[in-house]
C-alpha cells in the first residue's frame, strides 16, 4: 500500500516494539512460542511494505536484556527461532535489497548465533533499499553503559579530550551510531510503555501505542499508523509560526 503522495513527509526511520506474541497465542489456546513464530512471519510483510510507505530504516525489538528472565523453554525457543529466521530469510533479504544490522550485546548469545548474525550482516552489507536493524539482547540502559565505558576509555587513553565531549559525542559510541534517530516508535498490543528501547535515540520521536497484537500487525495496519504520523506537527520544542 503506497503512502498518499499529498500527505506530509513519511517517517524515514520507524522503530517497533513487537509486543503481544505470547498473549496472542494463549488467546488461541496455543503455547507462547506459537505466537513468536507467527510474529516472525509478520516481520517479512512489514519489511516489504517499507519502500512503498517511504520508510528507509526499520528497527525492531526482538529480544531485550530483560527477556532472559523468561522460562528456559521460551528463551531456548526464541534463540532457535532467531537461527531459523536467519537461515530462512538470508537470501530473500539480500535479493530484496535489505541491509541487516544487529544491535545489542552479543557476548551472551551462543557462538553459532553470533556467527550467523555476522554472516547475514556481511551478506547484505551492500544493500540500501531498506535498512533493517534487529535489536537482539538489547537494552537501552545497557547500551548507554557500554557506550559510556568506551568513551571513558578513549578519554583515559588520550584519544579524546574531555573538552570535546558534548551531547553529540555519546551518540557516536552507541550501537546505532550509523543510523538516524527514529522518527516514529510503535508499540503493539495495547501496552503503553517504552521498555528500555532506544531511550537516547528517541528523545524527539513520535510514539504510537496501538491495541493490535504483533502477529496481527499487517501491512495495512502499518500504513494506517504511518498515515496518522503524517498528520502530526513535529516541533522539536519550538512553536510553529
Protein backbone atom coordinates (compact mmCIF):
# COMPACT_ATOMS: atom_id res chain seq x y z
CA UNK A 1 0.00 0.00 0.00
CA UNK A 2 1.63 3.23 -1.14
CA UNK A 3 1.56 6.32 1.04
CA UNK A 4 -0.69 9.18 -0.05
CA UNK A 5 1.58 11.50 -2.00
CA UNK A 6 -0.35 14.51 -0.68
CA UNK A 7 0.50 13.59 2.90
CA UNK A 8 3.32 15.15 4.82
CA UNK A 9 6.70 13.51 4.70
CA UNK A 10 6.71 9.91 5.86
CA UNK A 11 8.97 8.88 8.75
CA UNK A 12 12.42 7.97 7.48
CA UNK A 13 13.10 5.71 10.45
CA UNK A 14 10.43 3.65 12.22
CA UNK A 15 11.19 1.59 15.32
CA UNK A 16 8.79 -1.08 16.54
CA UNK A 17 8.37 -2.80 19.89
CA UNK A 18 6.84 -6.03 18.65
CA UNK A 19 4.67 -6.94 21.63
CA UNK A 20 1.84 -9.38 22.16
CA UNK A 21 3.07 -12.62 20.59
CA UNK A 22 2.62 -14.70 23.73
CA UNK A 23 -0.78 -13.31 24.68
CA UNK A 24 -1.98 -13.69 21.07
CA UNK A 25 -1.06 -17.38 21.16
CA UNK A 26 -2.53 -18.01 24.60
CA UNK A 27 -5.81 -16.43 23.50
CA UNK A 28 -5.93 -19.12 20.82
CA UNK A 29 -5.11 -21.89 23.27
CA UNK A 30 -1.60 -22.26 21.87
CA UNK A 31 1.83 -22.16 23.57
CA UNK A 32 3.62 -18.81 23.65
CA UNK A 33 6.22 -19.96 21.11
CA UNK A 34 3.42 -20.42 18.57
CA UNK A 35 2.89 -16.67 18.80
CA UNK A 36 6.58 -15.91 18.41
CA UNK A 37 6.71 -17.94 15.20
CA UNK A 38 3.65 -16.10 13.88
CA UNK A 39 5.30 -12.81 14.79
CA UNK A 40 8.48 -13.73 12.93
CA UNK A 41 6.46 -14.33 9.77
CA UNK A 42 4.88 -10.90 10.16
CA UNK A 43 8.31 -9.23 10.04
CA UNK A 44 8.70 -10.07 6.33
CA UNK A 45 5.41 -8.38 5.42
CA UNK A 46 6.32 -5.22 7.33
CA UNK A 47 9.80 -5.05 5.79
CA UNK A 48 8.36 -5.49 2.30
CA UNK A 49 5.89 -2.65 2.94
CA UNK A 50 8.56 -0.12 3.89
CA UNK A 51 9.58 1.18 0.42
CA UNK A 52 6.01 2.00 -0.66
CA UNK A 53 5.43 3.78 2.65
CA UNK A 54 8.58 5.86 2.35
CA UNK A 55 10.30 4.16 5.28
CA UNK A 56 14.04 3.76 4.73
CA UNK A 57 15.06 2.47 8.17
CA UNK A 58 13.18 -0.09 10.25
CA UNK A 59 14.37 -1.13 13.71
CA UNK A 60 12.61 -3.98 15.50
CA UNK A 61 12.91 -5.04 19.15
CA UNK A 62 13.37 -8.81 19.00
CA UNK A 63 14.83 -9.72 22.42
CA UNK A 64 15.64 -7.49 25.36
CA UNK A 65 18.29 -7.79 28.06
CA UNK A 66 15.36 -8.38 30.44
CA UNK A 67 13.87 -11.24 28.40
CA UNK A 68 16.38 -13.68 29.91
CA UNK A 69 14.03 -13.69 32.93
CA UNK A 70 11.51 -15.73 30.95
CA UNK A 71 11.31 -19.50 31.26
CA UNK A 72 14.24 -21.52 29.95
CA UNK A 73 11.89 -23.19 27.46
CA UNK A 74 10.75 -19.88 25.99
CA UNK A 75 14.26 -18.41 25.83
CA UNK A 76 15.64 -21.54 24.15
CA UNK A 77 12.74 -21.49 21.72
CA UNK A 78 13.36 -17.86 20.85
CA UNK A 79 17.06 -18.46 20.23
CA UNK A 80 16.17 -21.35 17.94
CA UNK A 81 13.68 -19.11 16.17
CA UNK A 82 16.34 -16.43 15.57
CA UNK A 83 18.68 -19.00 14.00
CA UNK A 84 15.84 -20.36 11.87
CA UNK A 85 14.83 -16.87 10.75
CA UNK A 86 18.35 -16.02 9.61
CA UNK A 87 18.71 -19.31 7.74
CA UNK A 88 15.32 -18.99 6.05
CA UNK A 89 15.35 -15.29 5.19
CA UNK A 90 19.01 -14.51 4.41
CA UNK A 91 18.83 -14.88 0.62
CA UNK A 92 15.48 -13.13 0.30
CA UNK A 93 16.70 -10.20 2.36
CA UNK A 94 19.80 -9.93 0.19
CA UNK A 95 17.86 -10.20 -3.07
CA UNK A 96 15.24 -7.65 -1.97
CA UNK A 97 17.86 -5.01 -1.22
CA UNK A 98 17.53 -5.15 2.56
CA UNK A 99 20.60 -4.34 4.64
CA UNK A 100 20.52 -6.09 8.01
CA UNK A 101 22.27 -4.91 11.16
CA UNK A 102 22.08 -6.21 14.70
CA UNK A 103 22.33 -4.06 17.82
CA UNK A 104 22.72 -5.20 21.42
CA UNK A 105 25.29 -7.05 23.47
CA UNK A 106 26.22 -10.19 21.55
CA UNK A 107 28.50 -11.64 24.22
CA UNK A 108 25.74 -13.59 25.99
CA UNK A 109 24.42 -15.10 22.75
CA UNK A 110 25.70 -18.51 21.69
CA UNK A 111 28.63 -18.56 19.28
CA UNK A 112 26.67 -20.18 16.45
CA UNK A 113 24.05 -17.42 16.53
CA UNK A 114 26.75 -14.74 16.68
CA UNK A 115 28.41 -16.23 13.59
CA UNK A 116 25.10 -16.30 11.73
CA UNK A 117 24.46 -12.66 12.64
CA UNK A 118 27.90 -11.66 11.36
CA UNK A 119 27.36 -13.57 8.12
CA UNK A 120 23.94 -12.00 7.48
CA UNK A 121 25.37 -8.53 8.04
CA UNK A 122 28.16 -9.29 5.60
CA UNK A 123 25.81 -10.82 3.04
CA UNK A 124 23.61 -7.73 2.94
CA UNK A 125 26.27 -5.06 3.53
CA UNK A 126 25.96 -3.51 0.08
CA UNK A 127 22.16 -3.19 0.11
CA UNK A 128 20.44 0.15 0.52
CA UNK A 129 16.74 -0.24 -0.30
CA UNK A 130 15.68 -0.83 3.31
CA UNK A 131 17.88 -0.81 6.40
CA UNK A 132 16.57 -3.41 8.85
CA UNK A 133 18.07 -3.26 12.33
CA UNK A 134 17.29 -6.10 14.72
CA UNK A 135 17.72 -5.39 18.43
CA UNK A 136 18.82 -8.70 19.94
CA UNK A 137 19.84 -8.93 23.61
CA UNK A 138 19.36 -5.19 23.59
CA UNK A 139 18.57 -2.79 26.42
CA UNK A 140 18.99 0.95 26.09
CA UNK A 141 20.49 1.38 29.56
CA UNK A 142 22.95 -1.42 28.83
CA UNK A 143 23.80 0.24 25.52
CA UNK A 144 24.41 3.62 27.17
CA UNK A 145 26.51 1.93 29.83
CA UNK A 146 28.70 0.22 27.23
CA UNK A 147 28.98 3.44 25.22
CA UNK A 148 29.95 5.47 28.28
CA UNK A 149 32.62 2.96 29.21
CA UNK A 150 34.10 3.09 25.69
CA UNK A 151 34.02 6.89 25.74
CA UNK A 152 35.74 6.97 29.14
CA UNK A 153 38.44 4.58 27.89
CA UNK A 154 39.14 6.90 24.95
CA UNK A 155 39.43 9.88 27.27
CA UNK A 156 41.74 7.97 29.62
CA UNK A 157 43.93 6.89 26.70
CA UNK A 158 44.19 10.44 25.37
CA UNK A 159 42.30 9.66 22.18
CA UNK A 160 39.54 12.07 23.16
CA UNK A 161 39.77 15.34 25.09
CA UNK A 162 37.19 15.91 27.87
CA UNK A 163 36.70 19.38 26.39
CA UNK A 164 35.44 17.78 23.18
CA UNK A 165 32.71 15.79 24.92
CA UNK A 166 29.24 17.23 24.37
CA UNK A 167 25.69 15.94 23.88
CA UNK A 168 26.57 14.64 20.40
CA UNK A 169 29.63 12.69 21.49
CA UNK A 170 27.86 9.80 23.21
CA UNK A 171 25.77 9.09 20.12
CA UNK A 172 28.93 8.19 18.24
CA UNK A 173 29.55 5.34 20.70
CA UNK A 174 26.04 3.88 20.65
CA UNK A 175 25.14 0.70 18.75
CA UNK A 176 23.04 2.88 16.42
CA UNK A 177 25.84 5.32 15.56
CA UNK A 178 25.40 4.81 11.80
CA UNK A 179 21.61 5.21 11.89
CA UNK A 180 19.42 8.30 12.01
CA UNK A 181 17.33 8.73 15.14
CA UNK A 182 13.84 7.19 14.87
CA UNK A 183 11.06 9.50 13.76
CA UNK A 184 8.32 7.16 14.95
CA UNK A 185 8.23 4.44 17.61
CA UNK A 186 5.33 1.99 17.50
CA UNK A 187 4.36 -0.40 20.27
CA UNK A 188 1.78 -3.07 19.59
CA UNK A 189 -0.54 -4.99 21.95
CA UNK A 190 -2.06 -2.13 23.94
CA UNK A 191 0.80 -1.68 26.40
CA UNK A 192 1.82 1.97 26.84
CA UNK A 193 5.44 1.82 27.92
CA UNK A 194 8.78 2.01 26.13
CA UNK A 195 10.54 -0.91 27.85
CA UNK A 196 14.13 0.34 27.77
CA UNK A 197 14.14 0.69 23.98
CA UNK A 198 16.19 3.38 22.18
CA UNK A 199 15.88 5.80 25.11
CA UNK A 200 18.64 8.15 23.95
CA UNK A 201 17.76 7.99 20.26
CA UNK A 202 14.02 8.57 20.73
CA UNK A 203 14.27 11.89 22.58
CA UNK A 204 12.14 13.59 19.91
CA UNK A 205 10.45 10.61 18.29
CA UNK A 206 6.69 10.44 17.90
CA UNK A 207 5.06 7.49 19.67
CA UNK A 208 2.10 5.37 18.64
CA UNK A 209 0.65 2.79 21.04
CA UNK A 210 -1.85 0.53 19.32
CA UNK A 211 -4.03 -2.33 20.55
CA UNK A 212 -3.17 -4.67 17.67
CA UNK A 213 -1.11 -7.68 18.71
CA UNK A 214 2.10 -8.05 16.74
CA UNK A 215 1.04 -11.24 14.86
CA UNK A 216 -1.95 -9.24 13.56
CA UNK A 217 0.14 -6.19 12.56
CA UNK A 218 -0.36 -6.29 8.80
CA UNK A 219 0.95 -4.02 6.07
CA UNK A 220 -2.45 -2.33 6.09
CA UNK A 221 -2.22 -1.56 9.81
CA UNK A 222 1.33 -0.30 9.27
CA UNK A 223 0.13 2.05 6.52
CA UNK A 224 -2.62 3.40 8.78
CA UNK A 225 -0.09 4.21 11.51
CA UNK A 226 2.19 5.94 9.01
CA UNK A 227 -0.75 7.99 7.70
CA UNK A 228 -1.57 9.01 11.27
CA UNK A 229 2.03 10.08 11.83
CA UNK A 230 1.92 12.23 8.71
CA UNK A 231 -0.89 14.30 10.24
CA UNK A 232 1.23 15.28 13.21
CA UNK A 233 3.16 18.52 13.57
CA UNK A 234 6.69 17.89 14.81
CA UNK A 235 8.04 20.98 16.60
CA UNK A 236 11.14 19.70 18.44
CA UNK A 237 10.44 22.03 21.34
CA UNK A 238 9.69 25.03 19.15
CA UNK A 239 6.48 26.75 18.13
CA UNK A 240 5.00 26.76 14.65
CA UNK A 241 4.79 30.34 13.40
